[in-house]
PDB file of N, CA and C in Angstrom:
ATOM      1  N   UNK A   1     -22.513   9.383  67.274  1.00  0.00           N
ATOM      2  CA  UNK A   1     -22.786  10.828  67.276  1.00  0.00           C
ATOM      3  C   UNK A   1     -23.941  11.440  68.000  1.00  0.00           C
ATOM      4  N   UNK A   2     -23.488  12.531  68.747  1.00  0.00           N
ATOM      5  CA  UNK A   2     -24.515  13.268  69.582  1.00  0.00           C
ATOM      6  C   UNK A   2     -25.294  14.089  69.200  1.00  0.00           C
ATOM      7  N   UNK A   3     -26.177  14.418  69.555  1.00  0.00           N
ATOM      8  CA  UNK A   3     -27.192  15.687  69.107  1.00  0.00           C
ATOM      9  C   UNK A   3     -26.768  16.949  69.751  1.00  0.00           C
ATOM     10  N   UNK A   4     -27.085  17.866  68.608  1.00  0.00           N
ATOM     11  CA  UNK A   4     -26.795  19.299  69.538  1.00  0.00           C
ATOM     12  C   UNK A   4     -27.244  19.348  70.603  1.00  0.00           C
ATOM     13  N   UNK A   5     -28.567  18.881  71.066  1.00  0.00           N
ATOM     14  CA  UNK A   5     -29.173  19.262  72.804  1.00  0.00           C
ATOM     15  C   UNK A   5     -28.080  18.520  73.735  1.00  0.00           C
ATOM     16  N   UNK A   6     -27.398  17.415  73.403  1.00  0.00           N
ATOM     17  CA  UNK A   6     -26.508  17.014  74.442  1.00  0.00           C
ATOM     18  C   UNK A   6     -25.299  18.130  74.519  1.00  0.00           C
ATOM     19  N   UNK A   7     -25.269  19.110  73.911  1.00  0.00           N
ATOM     20  CA  UNK A   7     -24.273  19.988  74.354  1.00  0.00           C
ATOM     21  C   UNK A   7     -24.907  21.256  75.080  1.00  0.00           C
ATOM     22  N   UNK A   8     -24.410  21.624  76.298  1.00  0.00           N
ATOM     23  CA  UNK A   8     -24.821  22.546  77.230  1.00  0.00           C
ATOM     24  C   UNK A   8     -23.800  23.747  76.478  1.00  0.00           C
ATOM     25  N   UNK A   9     -24.869  24.989  75.452  1.00  0.00           N
ATOM     26  CA  UNK A   9     -24.336  26.114  75.109  1.00  0.00           C
ATOM     27  C   UNK A   9     -24.773  27.199  75.702  1.00  0.00           C
ATOM     28  N   UNK A  10     -25.380  26.887  77.257  1.00  0.00           N
ATOM     29  CA  UNK A  10     -25.953  28.190  77.944  1.00  0.00           C
ATOM     30  C   UNK A  10     -24.917  29.219  78.388  1.00  0.00           C
ATOM     31  N   UNK A  11     -23.687  28.851  78.512  1.00  0.00           N
ATOM     32  CA  UNK A  11     -22.775  29.969  78.891  1.00  0.00           C
ATOM     33  C   UNK A  11     -21.526  30.235  77.788  1.00  0.00           C
ATOM     34  N   UNK A  12     -21.930  29.672  76.566  1.00  0.00           N
ATOM     35  CA  UNK A  12     -21.106  29.808  75.537  1.00  0.00           C
ATOM     36  C   UNK A  12     -20.652  31.275  75.148  1.00  0.00           C
ATOM     37  N   UNK A  13     -19.284  31.645  74.801  1.00  0.00           N
ATOM     38  CA  UNK A  13     -19.086  32.569  74.467  1.00  0.00           C
ATOM     39  C   UNK A  13     -19.079  32.709  72.797  1.00  0.00           C
ATOM     40  N   UNK A  14     -19.603  33.787  72.297  1.00  0.00           N
ATOM     41  CA  UNK A  14     -20.000  33.694  70.975  1.00  0.00           C
ATOM     42  C   UNK A  14     -18.903  34.926  70.122  1.00  0.00           C
ATOM     43  N   UNK A  15     -18.258  34.306  68.973  1.00  0.00           N
ATOM     44  CA  UNK A  15     -17.731  35.213  68.337  1.00  0.00           C
ATOM     45  C   UNK A  15     -17.496  35.530  66.998  1.00  0.00           C
ATOM     46  N   UNK A  16     -18.122  36.730  66.419  1.00  0.00           N
ATOM     47  CA  UNK A  16     -18.108  37.087  64.903  1.00  0.00           C
ATOM     48  C   UNK A  16     -17.226  37.383  64.341  1.00  0.00           C
ATOM     49  N   UNK A  17     -17.051  37.308  63.334  1.00  0.00           N
ATOM     50  CA  UNK A  17     -15.606  37.489  62.141  1.00  0.00           C
ATOM     51  C   UNK A  17     -15.339  38.707  62.276  1.00  0.00           C
ATOM     52  N   UNK A  18     -14.539  38.848  62.152  1.00  0.00           N
ATOM     53  CA  UNK A  18     -13.723  40.250  61.951  1.00  0.00           C
ATOM     54  C   UNK A  18     -14.237  40.971  60.760  1.00  0.00           C
ATOM     55  N   UNK A  19     -14.730  40.142  59.733  1.00  0.00           N
ATOM     56  CA  UNK A  19     -15.145  40.742  58.557  1.00  0.00           C
ATOM     57  C   UNK A  19     -16.565  41.207  58.360  1.00  0.00           C
ATOM     58  N   UNK A  20     -17.170  41.145  59.644  1.00  0.00           N
ATOM     59  CA  UNK A  20     -18.606  41.509  59.831  1.00  0.00           C
ATOM     60  C   UNK A  20     -18.824  42.704  60.137  1.00  0.00           C
ATOM     61  N   UNK A  21     -17.949  43.770  60.314  1.00  0.00           N
ATOM     62  CA  UNK A  21     -17.974  44.777  60.628  1.00  0.00           C
ATOM     63  C   UNK A  21     -18.808  45.185  61.956  1.00  0.00           C
ATOM     64  N   UNK A  22     -19.004  44.517  62.837  1.00  0.00           N
ATOM     65  CA  UNK A  22     -19.860  44.680  63.615  1.00  0.00           C
ATOM     66  C   UNK A  22     -21.524  44.617  63.305  1.00  0.00           C
ATOM     67  N   UNK A  23     -21.876  43.960  61.956  1.00  0.00           N
ATOM     68  CA  UNK A  23     -23.126  43.507  61.349  1.00  0.00           C
ATOM     69  C   UNK A  23     -23.476  42.439  62.161  1.00  0.00           C
ATOM     70  N   UNK A  24     -24.968  42.164  61.693  1.00  0.00           N
ATOM     71  CA  UNK A  24     -25.838  41.087  62.223  1.00  0.00           C
ATOM     72  C   UNK A  24     -26.141  40.161  61.100  1.00  0.00           C
ATOM     73  N   UNK A  25     -25.047  40.353  59.884  1.00  0.00           N
ATOM     74  CA  UNK A  25     -25.305  39.350  59.099  1.00  0.00           C
ATOM     75  C   UNK A  25     -24.096  38.369  58.778  1.00  0.00           C
ATOM     76  N   UNK A  26     -23.660  37.325  59.767  1.00  0.00           N
ATOM     77  CA  UNK A  26     -22.552  36.931  59.803  1.00  0.00           C
ATOM     78  C   UNK A  26     -22.620  35.446  60.648  1.00  0.00           C
ATOM     79  N   UNK A  27     -21.926  34.847  60.591  1.00  0.00           N
ATOM     80  CA  UNK A  27     -21.515  33.435  61.215  1.00  0.00           C
ATOM     81  C   UNK A  27     -21.147  33.901  62.424  1.00  0.00           C
ATOM     82  N   UNK A  28     -21.229  33.442  63.396  1.00  0.00           N
ATOM     83  CA  UNK A  28     -20.495  33.087  64.918  1.00  0.00           C
ATOM     84  C   UNK A  28     -20.431  31.779  65.329  1.00  0.00           C
ATOM     85  N   UNK A  29     -18.997  31.824  65.559  1.00  0.00           N
ATOM     86  CA  UNK A  29     -18.469  30.438  66.229  1.00  0.00           C
ATOM     87  C   UNK A  29     -18.190  30.869  67.865  1.00  0.00           C
ATOM     88  N   UNK A  30     -18.312  29.412  68.540  1.00  0.00           N
ATOM     89  CA  UNK A  30     -18.335  29.518  69.581  1.00  0.00           C
ATOM     90  C   UNK A  30     -16.755  29.618  70.419  1.00  0.00           C
ATOM     91  N   UNK A  31     -16.266  30.444  71.714  1.00  0.00           N
ATOM     92  CA  UNK A  31     -14.888  30.570  71.784  1.00  0.00           C
ATOM     93  C   UNK A  31     -14.568  29.204  72.598  1.00  0.00           C
ATOM     94  N   UNK A  32     -12.987  29.097  72.987  1.00  0.00           N
ATOM     95  CA  UNK A  32     -12.603  28.286  73.783  1.00  0.00           C
ATOM     96  C   UNK A  32     -12.319  27.005  73.072  1.00  0.00           C
ATOM     97  N   UNK A  33     -11.417  25.936  73.325  1.00  0.00           N
ATOM     98  CA  UNK A  33     -10.764  24.961  72.787  1.00  0.00           C
ATOM     99  C   UNK A  33     -11.493  23.664  73.370  1.00  0.00           C
ATOM    100  N   UNK A  34     -12.421  23.281  72.381  1.00  0.00           N
ATOM    101  CA  UNK A  34     -13.245  22.095  72.567  1.00  0.00           C
ATOM    102  C   UNK A  34     -12.754  21.081  71.625  1.00  0.00           C
ATOM    103  N   UNK A  35     -13.667  19.918  71.371  1.00  0.00           N
ATOM    104  CA  UNK A  35     -13.383  18.934  70.654  1.00  0.00           C
ATOM    105  C   UNK A  35     -14.346  19.382  69.290  1.00  0.00           C
ATOM    106  N   UNK A  36     -15.262  20.122  69.697  1.00  0.00           N
ATOM    107  CA  UNK A  36     -16.216  20.762  68.345  1.00  0.00           C
ATOM    108  C   UNK A  36     -16.602  22.066  68.602  1.00  0.00           C
ATOM    109  N   UNK A  37     -16.889  22.593  67.393  1.00  0.00           N
ATOM    110  CA  UNK A  37     -17.182  23.976  67.159  1.00  0.00           C
ATOM    111  C   UNK A  37     -18.672  24.442  67.157  1.00  0.00           C
ATOM    112  N   UNK A  38     -19.389  24.727  68.319  1.00  0.00           N
ATOM    113  CA  UNK A  38     -20.909  25.341  67.528  1.00  0.00           C
ATOM    114  C   UNK A  38     -20.499  26.401  66.740  1.00  0.00           C
ATOM    115  N   UNK A  39     -21.388  26.816  65.883  1.00  0.00           N
ATOM    116  CA  UNK A  39     -21.359  27.856  65.038  1.00  0.00           C
ATOM    117  C   UNK A  39     -23.297  28.235  64.977  1.00  0.00           C
ATOM    118  N   UNK A  40     -23.795  29.427  64.847  1.00  0.00           N
ATOM    119  CA  UNK A  40     -25.030  30.148  64.944  1.00  0.00           C
ATOM    120  C   UNK A  40     -25.017  31.378  63.890  1.00  0.00           C
ATOM    121  N   UNK A  41     -26.006  31.382  63.490  1.00  0.00           N
ATOM    122  CA  UNK A  41     -26.360  32.488  62.878  1.00  0.00           C
ATOM    123  C   UNK A  41     -26.696  33.848  63.720  1.00  0.00           C
ATOM    124  N   UNK A  42     -25.923  35.018  63.508  1.00  0.00           N
ATOM    125  CA  UNK A  42     -25.816  35.898  64.370  1.00  0.00           C
ATOM    126  C   UNK A  42     -27.320  36.822  63.972  1.00  0.00           C
ATOM    127  N   UNK A  43     -27.813  36.702  63.197  1.00  0.00           N
ATOM    128  CA  UNK A  43     -29.279  37.043  62.919  1.00  0.00           C
ATOM    129  C   UNK A  43     -30.435  36.620  63.819  1.00  0.00           C
ATOM    130  N   UNK A  44     -30.204  35.190  64.589  1.00  0.00           N
ATOM    131  CA  UNK A  44     -31.191  34.245  64.914  1.00  0.00           C
ATOM    132  C   UNK A  44     -30.088  33.948  66.385  1.00  0.00           C
ATOM    133  N   UNK A  45     -29.758  34.725  67.090  1.00  0.00           N
ATOM    134  CA  UNK A  45     -28.627  34.019  68.348  1.00  0.00           C
ATOM    135  C   UNK A  45     -29.449  33.033  69.041  1.00  0.00           C
ATOM    136  N   UNK A  46     -31.126  32.872  69.088  1.00  0.00           N
ATOM    137  CA  UNK A  46     -31.576  32.086  69.973  1.00  0.00           C
ATOM    138  C   UNK A  46     -32.204  30.797  69.364  1.00  0.00           C
ATOM    139  N   UNK A  47     -31.600  30.546  67.747  1.00  0.00           N
ATOM    140  CA  UNK A  47     -32.042  29.888  66.830  1.00  0.00           C
ATOM    141  C   UNK A  47     -31.381  28.638  67.068  1.00  0.00           C
ATOM    142  N   UNK A  48     -31.408  27.775  66.332  1.00  0.00           N
ATOM    143  CA  UNK A  48     -30.915  26.593  65.984  1.00  0.00           C
ATOM    144  C   UNK A  48     -29.352  27.014  65.934  1.00  0.00           C
ATOM    145  N   UNK A  49     -28.397  25.673  66.408  1.00  0.00           N
ATOM    146  CA  UNK A  49     -27.018  25.928  66.112  1.00  0.00           C
ATOM    147  C   UNK A  49     -26.684  24.730  65.454  1.00  0.00           C
ATOM    148  N   UNK A  50     -25.480  24.732  64.753  1.00  0.00           N
ATOM    149  CA  UNK A  50     -24.773  23.482  64.227  1.00  0.00           C
ATOM    150  C   UNK A  50     -23.535  23.338  65.293  1.00  0.00           C
ATOM    151  N   UNK A  51     -22.951  22.264  65.229  1.00  0.00           N
ATOM    152  CA  UNK A  51     -22.085  21.385  65.724  1.00  0.00           C
ATOM    153  C   UNK A  51     -21.092  20.704  64.975  1.00  0.00           C
ATOM    154  N   UNK A  52     -20.058  21.046  64.566  1.00  0.00           N
ATOM    155  CA  UNK A  52     -18.938  20.407  63.813  1.00  0.00           C
ATOM    156  C   UNK A  52     -17.883  19.761  64.847  1.00  0.00           C
ATOM    157  N   UNK A  53     -17.577  18.911  64.311  1.00  0.00           N
ATOM    158  CA  UNK A  53     -15.843  18.153  64.976  1.00  0.00           C
ATOM    159  C   UNK A  53     -14.977  19.412  64.261  1.00  0.00           C
ATOM    160  N   UNK A  54     -14.046  19.568  65.531  1.00  0.00           N
ATOM    161  CA  UNK A  54     -13.064  20.736  65.419  1.00  0.00           C
ATOM    162  C   UNK A  54     -12.177  20.211  64.353  1.00  0.00           C
ATOM    163  N   UNK A  55     -11.743  19.069  64.033  1.00  0.00           N
ATOM    164  CA  UNK A  55     -10.879  18.991  62.741  1.00  0.00           C
ATOM    165  C   UNK A  55     -11.570  19.337  61.378  1.00  0.00           C
ATOM    166  N   UNK A  56     -13.010  18.835  61.371  1.00  0.00           N
ATOM    167  CA  UNK A  56     -13.634  19.614  60.083  1.00  0.00           C
ATOM    168  C   UNK A  56     -13.827  21.054  60.043  1.00  0.00           C
ATOM    169  N   UNK A  57     -14.290  21.579  60.979  1.00  0.00           N
ATOM    170  CA  UNK A  57     -14.135  23.209  61.127  1.00  0.00           C
ATOM    171  C   UNK A  57     -12.890  23.647  60.619  1.00  0.00           C
ATOM    172  N   UNK A  58     -11.919  23.403  61.068  1.00  0.00           N
ATOM    173  CA  UNK A  58     -10.347  23.520  60.614  1.00  0.00           C
ATOM    174  C   UNK A  58     -10.449  23.514  59.203  1.00  0.00           C
ATOM    175  N   UNK A  59     -10.677  21.894  58.810  1.00  0.00           N
ATOM    176  CA  UNK A  59     -10.315  22.222  57.145  1.00  0.00           C
ATOM    177  C   UNK A  59     -11.781  22.725  56.102  1.00  0.00           C
ATOM    178  N   UNK A  60     -12.563  23.275  57.020  1.00  0.00           N
ATOM    179  CA  UNK A  60     -13.467  24.071  56.109  1.00  0.00           C
ATOM    180  C   UNK A  60     -12.758  25.701  55.973  1.00  0.00           C
ATOM    181  N   UNK A  61     -12.403  26.097  57.233  1.00  0.00           N
ATOM    182  CA  UNK A  61     -11.291  27.383  57.337  1.00  0.00           C
ATOM    183  C   UNK A  61     -10.254  27.364  56.561  1.00  0.00           C
ATOM    184  N   UNK A  62      -9.512  26.319  56.825  1.00  0.00           N
ATOM    185  CA  UNK A  62      -8.206  26.357  55.828  1.00  0.00           C
ATOM    186  C   UNK A  62      -8.500  26.398  54.498  1.00  0.00           C
ATOM    187  N   UNK A  63      -9.719  25.976  54.030  1.00  0.00           N
ATOM    188  CA  UNK A  63      -9.763  25.574  52.631  1.00  0.00           C
ATOM    189  C   UNK A  63     -10.505  27.167  51.991  1.00  0.00           C
ATOM    190  N   UNK A  64     -11.805  27.896  52.872  1.00  0.00           N
ATOM    191  CA  UNK A  64     -11.698  29.063  52.932  1.00  0.00           C
ATOM    192  C   UNK A  64     -10.665  30.202  52.376  1.00  0.00           C
ATOM    193  N   UNK A  65      -9.646  29.916  53.393  1.00  0.00           N
ATOM    194  CA  UNK A  65      -8.270  30.512  53.429  1.00  0.00           C
ATOM    195  C   UNK A  65      -7.492  30.559  51.928  1.00  0.00           C
ATOM    196  N   UNK A  66      -7.603  29.347  51.566  1.00  0.00           N
ATOM    197  CA  UNK A  66      -7.068  28.948  50.368  1.00  0.00           C
ATOM    198  C   UNK A  66      -7.705  29.819  49.149  1.00  0.00           C
ATOM    199  N   UNK A  67      -9.043  29.945  49.318  1.00  0.00           N
ATOM    200  CA  UNK A  67      -9.875  30.421  48.224  1.00  0.00           C
ATOM    201  C   UNK A  67      -9.534  31.897  48.104  1.00  0.00           C
ATOM    202  N   UNK A  68      -8.977  32.457  49.238  1.00  0.00           N
ATOM    203  CA  UNK A  68      -9.050  33.925  49.107  1.00  0.00           C
ATOM    204  C   UNK A  68     -10.274  34.678  50.181  1.00  0.00           C
ATOM    205  N   UNK A  69     -10.909  33.925  50.586  1.00  0.00           N
ATOM    206  CA  UNK A  69     -12.355  34.305  51.260  1.00  0.00           C
ATOM    207  C   UNK A  69     -11.868  34.952  52.400  1.00  0.00           C
TER     208      UNK A  69
END
């Protein structure tokens, strides 16, 4: 397993959920096809980031969709 510090996120393009309506109280994910999905809190963009395997993130999103979230 790699630590977050091993991923170069300096040039990452972050995307907010369309549900955020432009606010700063949401989750942002990194754009682009990779094996991992970096995630951060929009209120603290320079704070810690989480990195999930792409398969785990997809399963999480699909579960939310099935719940109607």
